[in-house]
Amino acid sequence: MGPKVRLMMMQEQKAAVFIQAWWRGTLVRRTLLHAALRVWIIQRWWKQKLVKLQEKRRRTSLEFYARQEWAAVKLQSWFRMWCIRLRYCRLLHAVRIIQVYWRWHSCHTRGFIQGHYDLKENQLNLQLEISLGSQACRVQQCIALPIKE
């Protein structure tokens, strides 16, 4: 083999090495690109998971706050209702006391009439008690009723 053939073989070998290096580089770049894309996909998936987890935590926290707020409002409502009911019962008691005294006063100053009656066949039995202050009068009467035949 001559120097020209050797030179050509060396050039072909260099060209083959160059092509192989280029091809290996292309494969490595493609592999790195695919790896980067997979990393990007995994990162996007993980970020979405984190966002969903944060949203779930936020919603849970908001629901807990709303429940506490509702419970506080309900408790305040019950307390106000209890206070108003207590006030109402006190007023009702005071009204009853005033009514008792007023009725006693009215009975002793103005007087009152009490009575009842029985109606039997042809007569009316009437019993009345009239009270004026310290004076009392009792009336008992039996009235015959005319019956038409």
N, C-alpha and C. Protein backbone atom coordinates (compact mmCIF):
# COMPACT_ATOMS: atom_id res chain seq x y z
N MET A 1 0.84 -1.15 0.00
CA MET A 1 0.00 0.00 0.00
C MET A 1 0.90 1.23 0.00
N GLY A 2 0.39 2.08 -0.78
CA GLY A 2 1.19 3.28 -0.97
C GLY A 2 0.75 4.39 -0.04
N PRO A 3 1.59 5.43 -0.04
CA PRO A 3 1.28 6.53 0.86
C PRO A 3 -0.05 7.21 0.51
N LYS A 4 -0.41 7.20 -0.74
CA LYS A 4 -1.68 7.83 -1.10
C LYS A 4 -2.86 7.03 -0.57
N VAL A 5 -2.75 5.73 -0.68
CA VAL A 5 -3.83 4.86 -0.21
C VAL A 5 -3.94 4.99 1.30
N ARG A 6 -2.77 5.03 1.93
CA ARG A 6 -2.78 5.18 3.39
C ARG A 6 -3.41 6.51 3.78
N LEU A 7 -3.03 7.53 3.09
CA LEU A 7 -3.58 8.85 3.38
C LEU A 7 -5.10 8.83 3.18
N MET A 8 -5.55 8.17 2.15
CA MET A 8 -6.97 8.09 1.88
C MET A 8 -7.67 7.27 2.97
N MET A 9 -7.04 6.19 3.38
CA MET A 9 -7.64 5.36 4.43
C MET A 9 -7.71 6.13 5.75
N MET A 10 -6.66 6.92 6.00
CA MET A 10 -6.67 7.73 7.22
C MET A 10 -7.76 8.80 7.14
N GLN A 11 -7.93 9.37 5.98
CA GLN A 11 -8.98 10.38 5.81
C GLN A 11 -10.36 9.73 5.95
N GLU A 12 -10.51 8.53 5.37
CA GLU A 12 -11.78 7.82 5.50
C GLU A 12 -12.04 7.44 6.96
N GLN A 13 -10.95 7.02 7.63
CA GLN A 13 -11.10 6.66 9.05
C GLN A 13 -11.47 7.90 9.86
N LYS A 14 -10.81 9.03 9.54
CA LYS A 14 -11.14 10.27 10.24
C LYS A 14 -12.58 10.67 9.94
N ALA A 15 -13.00 10.49 8.67
CA ALA A 15 -14.37 10.82 8.29
C ALA A 15 -15.35 9.89 9.01
N ALA A 16 -14.99 8.60 9.10
CA ALA A 16 -15.85 7.64 9.80
C ALA A 16 -15.93 7.99 11.28
N VAL A 17 -14.77 8.34 11.87
CA VAL A 17 -14.76 8.73 13.29
C VAL A 17 -15.59 10.00 13.48
N PHE A 18 -15.47 10.94 12.54
CA PHE A 18 -16.24 12.18 12.62
C PHE A 18 -17.74 11.88 12.54
N ILE A 19 -18.12 11.02 11.58
CA ILE A 19 -19.54 10.67 11.42
C ILE A 19 -20.04 9.95 12.68
N GLN A 20 -19.22 9.02 13.20
CA GLN A 20 -19.62 8.29 14.41
C GLN A 20 -19.75 9.25 15.60
N ALA A 21 -18.81 10.19 15.71
CA ALA A 21 -18.89 11.16 16.81
C ALA A 21 -20.13 12.04 16.65
N TRP A 22 -20.36 12.45 15.41
CA TRP A 22 -21.56 13.26 15.16
C TRP A 22 -22.81 12.47 15.52
N TRP A 23 -22.87 11.20 15.10
CA TRP A 23 -24.04 10.37 15.38
C TRP A 23 -24.22 10.14 16.88
N ARG A 24 -23.10 9.83 17.58
CA ARG A 24 -23.17 9.65 19.03
C ARG A 24 -23.62 10.95 19.70
N GLY A 25 -23.11 12.07 19.23
CA GLY A 25 -23.52 13.37 19.77
C GLY A 25 -25.00 13.62 19.55
N THR A 26 -25.47 13.28 18.32
CA THR A 26 -26.89 13.43 18.02
C THR A 26 -27.72 12.54 18.94
N LEU A 27 -27.29 11.29 19.13
CA LEU A 27 -28.01 10.38 20.02
C LEU A 27 -28.02 10.89 21.46
N VAL A 28 -26.85 11.39 21.90
CA VAL A 28 -26.77 11.91 23.27
C VAL A 28 -27.67 13.13 23.42
N ARG A 29 -27.63 14.05 22.42
CA ARG A 29 -28.49 15.23 22.49
C ARG A 29 -29.97 14.84 22.48
N ARG A 30 -30.32 13.86 21.64
CA ARG A 30 -31.70 13.40 21.59
C ARG A 30 -32.10 12.77 22.94
N THR A 31 -31.20 11.96 23.49
CA THR A 31 -31.46 11.34 24.80
C THR A 31 -31.62 12.41 25.88
N LEU A 32 -30.73 13.42 25.85
CA LEU A 32 -30.82 14.51 26.82
C LEU A 32 -32.11 15.31 26.62
N LEU A 33 -32.50 15.53 25.36
CA LEU A 33 -33.74 16.24 25.09
C LEU A 33 -34.94 15.46 25.62
N HIS A 34 -34.95 14.14 25.35
CA HIS A 34 -36.04 13.30 25.86
C HIS A 34 -36.05 13.30 27.39
N ALA A 35 -34.87 13.23 27.99
CA ALA A 35 -34.79 13.25 29.46
C ALA A 35 -35.30 14.60 29.99
N ALA A 36 -34.91 15.69 29.32
CA ALA A 36 -35.36 17.01 29.75
C ALA A 36 -36.88 17.12 29.61
N LEU A 37 -37.43 16.60 28.51
CA LEU A 37 -38.88 16.62 28.33
C LEU A 37 -39.59 15.79 29.41
N ARG A 38 -39.02 14.63 29.73
CA ARG A 38 -39.61 13.80 30.79
C ARG A 38 -39.54 14.51 32.14
N VAL A 39 -38.40 15.15 32.39
CA VAL A 39 -38.25 15.91 33.63
C VAL A 39 -39.30 17.03 33.67
N TRP A 40 -39.47 17.72 32.55
CA TRP A 40 -40.46 18.81 32.47
C TRP A 40 -41.87 18.27 32.73
N ILE A 41 -42.19 17.11 32.12
CA ILE A 41 -43.51 16.50 32.32
C ILE A 41 -43.71 16.14 33.80
N ILE A 42 -42.70 15.53 34.41
CA ILE A 42 -42.80 15.15 35.83
C ILE A 42 -42.94 16.40 36.69
N GLN A 43 -42.17 17.44 36.37
CA GLN A 43 -42.27 18.67 37.15
C GLN A 43 -43.67 19.31 37.02
N ARG A 44 -44.21 19.35 35.82
CA ARG A 44 -45.56 19.90 35.62
C ARG A 44 -46.59 19.08 36.41
N TRP A 45 -46.47 17.74 36.34
CA TRP A 45 -47.38 16.88 37.08
C TRP A 45 -47.28 17.16 38.58
N TRP A 46 -46.04 17.26 39.08
CA TRP A 46 -45.83 17.50 40.51
C TRP A 46 -46.38 18.88 40.92
N LYS A 47 -46.15 19.89 40.07
CA LYS A 47 -46.68 21.22 40.38
C LYS A 47 -48.21 21.20 40.42
N GLN A 48 -48.83 20.47 39.48
CA GLN A 48 -50.28 20.35 39.50
C GLN A 48 -50.76 19.66 40.77
N LYS A 49 -50.04 18.60 41.18
CA LYS A 49 -50.37 17.92 42.43
C LYS A 49 -50.27 18.87 43.61
N LEU A 50 -49.19 19.66 43.65
CA LEU A 50 -49.02 20.62 44.74
C LEU A 50 -50.13 21.66 44.75
N VAL A 51 -50.50 22.15 43.56
CA VAL A 51 -51.58 23.14 43.48
C VAL A 51 -52.88 22.53 43.99
N LYS A 52 -53.18 21.29 43.57
CA LYS A 52 -54.41 20.63 44.04
C LYS A 52 -54.36 20.41 45.54
N LEU A 53 -53.21 20.01 46.06
CA LEU A 53 -53.06 19.80 47.50
C LEU A 53 -53.24 21.11 48.26
N GLN A 54 -52.64 22.18 47.75
CA GLN A 54 -52.80 23.49 48.39
C GLN A 54 -54.26 23.95 48.32
N GLU A 55 -54.91 23.72 47.20
CA GLU A 55 -56.32 24.09 47.05
C GLU A 55 -57.18 23.31 48.03
N LYS A 56 -56.88 22.01 48.17
CA LYS A 56 -57.63 21.19 49.13
C LYS A 56 -57.42 21.68 50.55
N ARG A 57 -56.18 22.01 50.90
CA ARG A 57 -55.88 22.53 52.24
C ARG A 57 -56.59 23.87 52.46
N ARG A 58 -56.57 24.73 51.44
CA ARG A 58 -57.23 26.03 51.55
C ARG A 58 -58.74 25.86 51.73
N ARG A 59 -59.33 24.95 50.94
CA ARG A 59 -60.76 24.70 51.05
C ARG A 59 -61.11 24.13 52.43
N THR A 60 -60.29 23.19 52.91
CA THR A 60 -60.52 22.61 54.25
C THR A 60 -60.43 23.69 55.31
N SER A 61 -59.41 24.54 55.18
CA SER A 61 -59.24 25.63 56.15
C SER A 61 -60.42 26.59 56.09
N LEU A 62 -60.88 26.90 54.89
CA LEU A 62 -62.02 27.80 54.73
C LEU A 62 -63.30 27.19 55.32
N GLU A 63 -63.51 25.89 55.07
CA GLU A 63 -64.68 25.21 55.64
C GLU A 63 -64.62 25.20 57.16
N PHE A 64 -63.43 24.96 57.72
CA PHE A 64 -63.26 24.96 59.17
C PHE A 64 -63.57 26.35 59.72
N TYR A 65 -63.07 27.38 59.05
CA TYR A 65 -63.33 28.76 59.49
C TYR A 65 -64.82 29.07 59.42
N ALA A 66 -65.46 28.64 58.31
CA ALA A 66 -66.90 28.90 58.15
C ALA A 66 -67.69 28.17 59.24
N ARG A 67 -67.29 26.92 59.56
CA ARG A 67 -67.97 26.18 60.62
C ARG A 67 -67.81 26.87 61.96
N GLN A 68 -66.60 27.35 62.25
CA GLN A 68 -66.37 28.07 63.51
C GLN A 68 -67.19 29.35 63.54
N GLU A 69 -67.22 30.06 62.43
CA GLU A 69 -67.98 31.31 62.34
C GLU A 69 -69.47 31.03 62.57
N TRP A 70 -69.99 29.98 61.93
CA TRP A 70 -71.40 29.62 62.08
C TRP A 70 -71.69 29.24 63.52
N ALA A 71 -70.78 28.46 64.13
CA ALA A 71 -70.98 28.05 65.53
C ALA A 71 -70.99 29.26 66.45
N ALA A 72 -70.11 30.21 66.20
CA ALA A 72 -70.06 31.42 67.03
C ALA A 72 -71.36 32.22 66.88
N VAL A 73 -71.83 32.35 65.65
CA VAL A 73 -73.08 33.09 65.40
C VAL A 73 -74.25 32.37 66.08
N LYS A 74 -74.29 31.04 65.97
CA LYS A 74 -75.36 30.26 66.59
C LYS A 74 -75.31 30.42 68.11
N LEU A 75 -74.12 30.35 68.68
CA LEU A 75 -73.97 30.50 70.13
C LEU A 75 -74.41 31.89 70.58
N GLN A 76 -74.02 32.90 69.83
CA GLN A 76 -74.45 34.27 70.16
C GLN A 76 -75.96 34.39 70.07
N SER A 77 -76.54 33.77 69.06
CA SER A 77 -77.99 33.81 68.89
C SER A 77 -78.69 33.14 70.07
N TRP A 78 -78.19 31.98 70.47
CA TRP A 78 -78.78 31.29 71.62
C TRP A 78 -78.64 32.13 72.88
N PHE A 79 -77.49 32.77 73.08
CA PHE A 79 -77.28 33.59 74.27
C PHE A 79 -78.24 34.78 74.27
N ARG A 80 -78.38 35.44 73.10
CA ARG A 80 -79.33 36.57 73.02
C ARG A 80 -80.75 36.09 73.29
N MET A 81 -81.09 34.92 72.73
CA MET A 81 -82.43 34.38 72.95
C MET A 81 -82.64 34.09 74.45
N TRP A 82 -81.65 33.52 75.10
CA TRP A 82 -81.74 33.22 76.53
C TRP A 82 -81.92 34.50 77.34
N CYS A 83 -81.13 35.54 77.00
CA CYS A 83 -81.23 36.82 77.72
C CYS A 83 -82.62 37.43 77.53
N ILE A 84 -83.12 37.41 76.30
CA ILE A 84 -84.43 37.99 76.03
C ILE A 84 -85.52 37.18 76.71
N ARG A 85 -85.39 35.86 76.70
CA ARG A 85 -86.38 35.01 77.38
C ARG A 85 -86.37 35.28 78.88
N LEU A 86 -85.18 35.43 79.45
CA LEU A 86 -85.07 35.73 80.88
C LEU A 86 -85.75 37.07 81.18
N ARG A 87 -85.47 38.06 80.33
CA ARG A 87 -86.10 39.37 80.51
C ARG A 87 -87.62 39.28 80.37
N TYR A 88 -88.08 38.50 79.39
CA TYR A 88 -89.51 38.31 79.18
C TYR A 88 -90.15 37.64 80.41
N CYS A 89 -89.49 36.60 80.94
CA CYS A 89 -90.03 35.91 82.12
C CYS A 89 -90.10 36.85 83.32
N ARG A 90 -89.09 37.68 83.49
CA ARG A 90 -89.11 38.66 84.59
C ARG A 90 -90.26 39.65 84.41
N LEU A 91 -90.42 40.14 83.18
CA LEU A 91 -91.53 41.07 82.91
C LEU A 91 -92.88 40.40 83.13
N LEU A 92 -92.99 39.15 82.68
CA LEU A 92 -94.24 38.41 82.86
C LEU A 92 -94.54 38.23 84.35
N HIS A 93 -93.53 37.92 85.13
CA HIS A 93 -93.71 37.78 86.58
C HIS A 93 -94.16 39.12 87.18
N ALA A 94 -93.51 40.20 86.75
CA ALA A 94 -93.88 41.53 87.26
C ALA A 94 -95.32 41.87 86.86
N VAL A 95 -95.70 41.54 85.63
CA VAL A 95 -97.07 41.80 85.17
C VAL A 95 -98.07 41.02 86.01
N ARG A 96 -97.75 39.78 86.30
CA ARG A 96 -98.67 38.96 87.11
C ARG A 96 -98.82 39.53 88.51
N ILE A 97 -97.72 40.00 89.09
CA ILE A 97 -97.80 40.62 90.42
C ILE A 97 -98.68 41.86 90.36
N ILE A 98 -98.45 42.69 89.34
CA ILE A 98 -99.26 43.91 89.19
C ILE A 98 -100.72 43.55 88.99
N GLN A 99 -101.01 42.52 88.18
CA GLN A 99 -102.40 42.11 87.95
C GLN A 99 -103.07 41.64 89.24
N VAL A 100 -102.33 40.86 90.05
CA VAL A 100 -102.90 40.39 91.31
C VAL A 100 -103.26 41.57 92.19
N TYR A 101 -102.33 42.51 92.34
CA TYR A 101 -102.62 43.67 93.18
C TYR A 101 -103.73 44.53 92.59
N TRP A 102 -103.74 44.67 91.27
CA TRP A 102 -104.79 45.47 90.64
C TRP A 102 -106.15 44.81 90.84
N ARG A 103 -106.22 43.51 90.67
CA ARG A 103 -107.50 42.81 90.87
C ARG A 103 -107.95 42.91 92.32
N TRP A 104 -107.02 42.78 93.23
CA TRP A 104 -107.36 42.92 94.65
C TRP A 104 -107.89 44.33 94.92
N HIS A 105 -107.19 45.34 94.39
CA HIS A 105 -107.60 46.72 94.57
C HIS A 105 -108.96 46.97 93.91
N SER A 106 -109.10 46.46 92.70
CA SER A 106 -110.35 46.65 91.96
C SER A 106 -111.50 45.99 92.69
N CYS A 107 -111.25 44.82 93.21
CA CYS A 107 -112.28 44.08 93.93
C CYS A 107 -112.68 44.82 95.20
N HIS A 108 -111.74 45.42 95.88
CA HIS A 108 -112.04 46.08 97.14
C HIS A 108 -112.57 47.50 96.96
N THR A 109 -112.33 48.13 95.86
CA THR A 109 -112.83 49.49 95.67
C THR A 109 -114.09 49.51 94.83
N ARG A 110 -114.18 48.69 93.83
CA ARG A 110 -115.33 48.73 92.93
C ARG A 110 -116.37 47.66 93.23
N GLY A 111 -115.91 46.57 93.71
CA GLY A 111 -116.83 45.47 93.97
C GLY A 111 -116.91 44.54 92.77
N PHE A 112 -117.56 43.40 93.01
CA PHE A 112 -117.72 42.45 91.92
C PHE A 112 -118.96 41.61 92.17
N ILE A 113 -119.39 40.92 91.12
CA ILE A 113 -120.56 40.06 91.21
C ILE A 113 -120.12 38.67 90.79
N GLN A 114 -120.43 37.70 91.65
CA GLN A 114 -120.16 36.31 91.33
C GLN A 114 -121.46 35.55 91.46
N GLY A 115 -121.59 34.48 90.72
CA GLY A 115 -122.80 33.70 90.89
C GLY A 115 -122.86 32.53 89.95
N HIS A 116 -123.90 31.74 90.15
CA HIS A 116 -124.16 30.63 89.23
C HIS A 116 -125.65 30.33 89.26
N TYR A 117 -126.10 29.55 88.29
CA TYR A 117 -127.52 29.23 88.22
C TYR A 117 -127.69 27.78 87.80
N ASP A 118 -128.86 27.23 88.16
CA ASP A 118 -129.26 25.88 87.76
C ASP A 118 -130.65 25.99 87.14
N LEU A 119 -130.83 25.38 86.02
CA LEU A 119 -132.12 25.37 85.35
C LEU A 119 -132.65 23.95 85.40
N LYS A 120 -133.78 23.76 86.12
CA LYS A 120 -134.37 22.43 86.25
C LYS A 120 -135.83 22.52 85.84
N GLU A 121 -136.22 21.65 85.01
CA GLU A 121 -137.59 21.50 84.52
C GLU A 121 -138.35 22.82 84.42
N ASN A 122 -138.97 23.24 85.50
CA ASN A 122 -139.80 24.45 85.41
C ASN A 122 -139.37 25.52 86.41
N GLN A 123 -138.13 25.47 86.89
CA GLN A 123 -137.68 26.51 87.81
C GLN A 123 -136.22 26.87 87.58
N LEU A 124 -135.86 28.07 87.95
CA LEU A 124 -134.50 28.60 87.82
C LEU A 124 -133.98 28.89 89.22
N ASN A 125 -132.90 28.23 89.61
CA ASN A 125 -132.25 28.50 90.89
C ASN A 125 -131.10 29.45 90.64
N LEU A 126 -131.07 30.56 91.28
CA LEU A 126 -130.08 31.61 91.06
C LEU A 126 -129.40 31.94 92.38
N GLN A 127 -128.06 31.93 92.39
CA GLN A 127 -127.30 32.32 93.57
C GLN A 127 -126.31 33.40 93.15
N LEU A 128 -126.36 34.56 93.76
CA LEU A 128 -125.48 35.68 93.43
C LEU A 128 -124.78 36.15 94.69
N GLU A 129 -123.53 36.60 94.53
CA GLU A 129 -122.80 37.22 95.63
C GLU A 129 -122.29 38.55 95.10
N ILE A 130 -122.74 39.62 95.67
CA ILE A 130 -122.35 40.96 95.25
C ILE A 130 -121.46 41.52 96.34
N SER A 131 -120.28 41.96 95.93
CA SER A 131 -119.33 42.48 96.91
C SER A 131 -118.96 43.90 96.53
N LEU A 132 -119.12 44.82 97.47
CA LEU A 132 -118.72 46.21 97.27
C LEU A 132 -117.82 46.59 98.42
N GLY A 133 -116.52 46.61 98.15
CA GLY A 133 -115.57 46.94 99.20
C GLY A 133 -115.64 45.93 100.32
N SER A 134 -115.95 46.41 101.52
CA SER A 134 -116.02 45.52 102.68
C SER A 134 -117.43 44.95 102.86
N GLN A 135 -118.40 45.43 102.10
CA GLN A 135 -119.78 44.95 102.22
C GLN A 135 -120.03 43.84 101.22
N ALA A 136 -120.78 42.84 101.65
CA ALA A 136 -121.11 41.72 100.78
C ALA A 136 -122.59 41.43 100.90
N CYS A 137 -123.19 41.04 99.81
CA CYS A 137 -124.61 40.73 99.79
C CYS A 137 -124.79 39.42 99.03
N ARG A 138 -125.53 38.49 99.64
CA ARG A 138 -125.78 37.21 98.98
C ARG A 138 -127.26 37.11 98.68
N VAL A 139 -127.52 36.73 97.43
CA VAL A 139 -128.91 36.59 97.00
C VAL A 139 -129.09 35.17 96.51
N GLN A 140 -130.14 34.54 97.02
CA GLN A 140 -130.46 33.20 96.57
C GLN A 140 -131.95 33.20 96.26
N GLN A 141 -132.30 32.83 95.04
CA GLN A 141 -133.69 32.93 94.64
C GLN A 141 -134.05 31.74 93.77
N CYS A 142 -135.27 31.32 93.92
CA CYS A 142 -135.79 30.23 93.12
C CYS A 142 -136.98 30.79 92.35
N ILE A 143 -136.90 30.82 91.03
CA ILE A 143 -137.93 31.43 90.20
C ILE A 143 -138.65 30.31 89.44
N ALA A 144 -139.97 30.31 89.56
CA ALA A 144 -140.77 29.32 88.83
C ALA A 144 -140.97 29.80 87.41
N LEU A 145 -140.79 28.90 86.47
CA LEU A 145 -140.94 29.24 85.05
C LEU A 145 -142.26 28.69 84.55
N PRO A 146 -143.08 29.55 83.92
CA PRO A 146 -144.34 29.04 83.37
C PRO A 146 -144.05 28.22 82.11
N ILE A 147 -144.59 27.05 82.08
CA ILE A 147 -144.40 26.18 80.92
C ILE A 147 -145.73 26.08 80.20
N LYS A 148 -145.73 26.36 78.92
CA LYS A 148 -146.94 26.27 78.10
C LYS A 148 -147.08 24.84 77.63
N GLU A 149 -148.33 24.40 77.72
CA GLU A 149 -148.59 23.04 77.27
C GLU A 149 -149.56 23.02 76.13
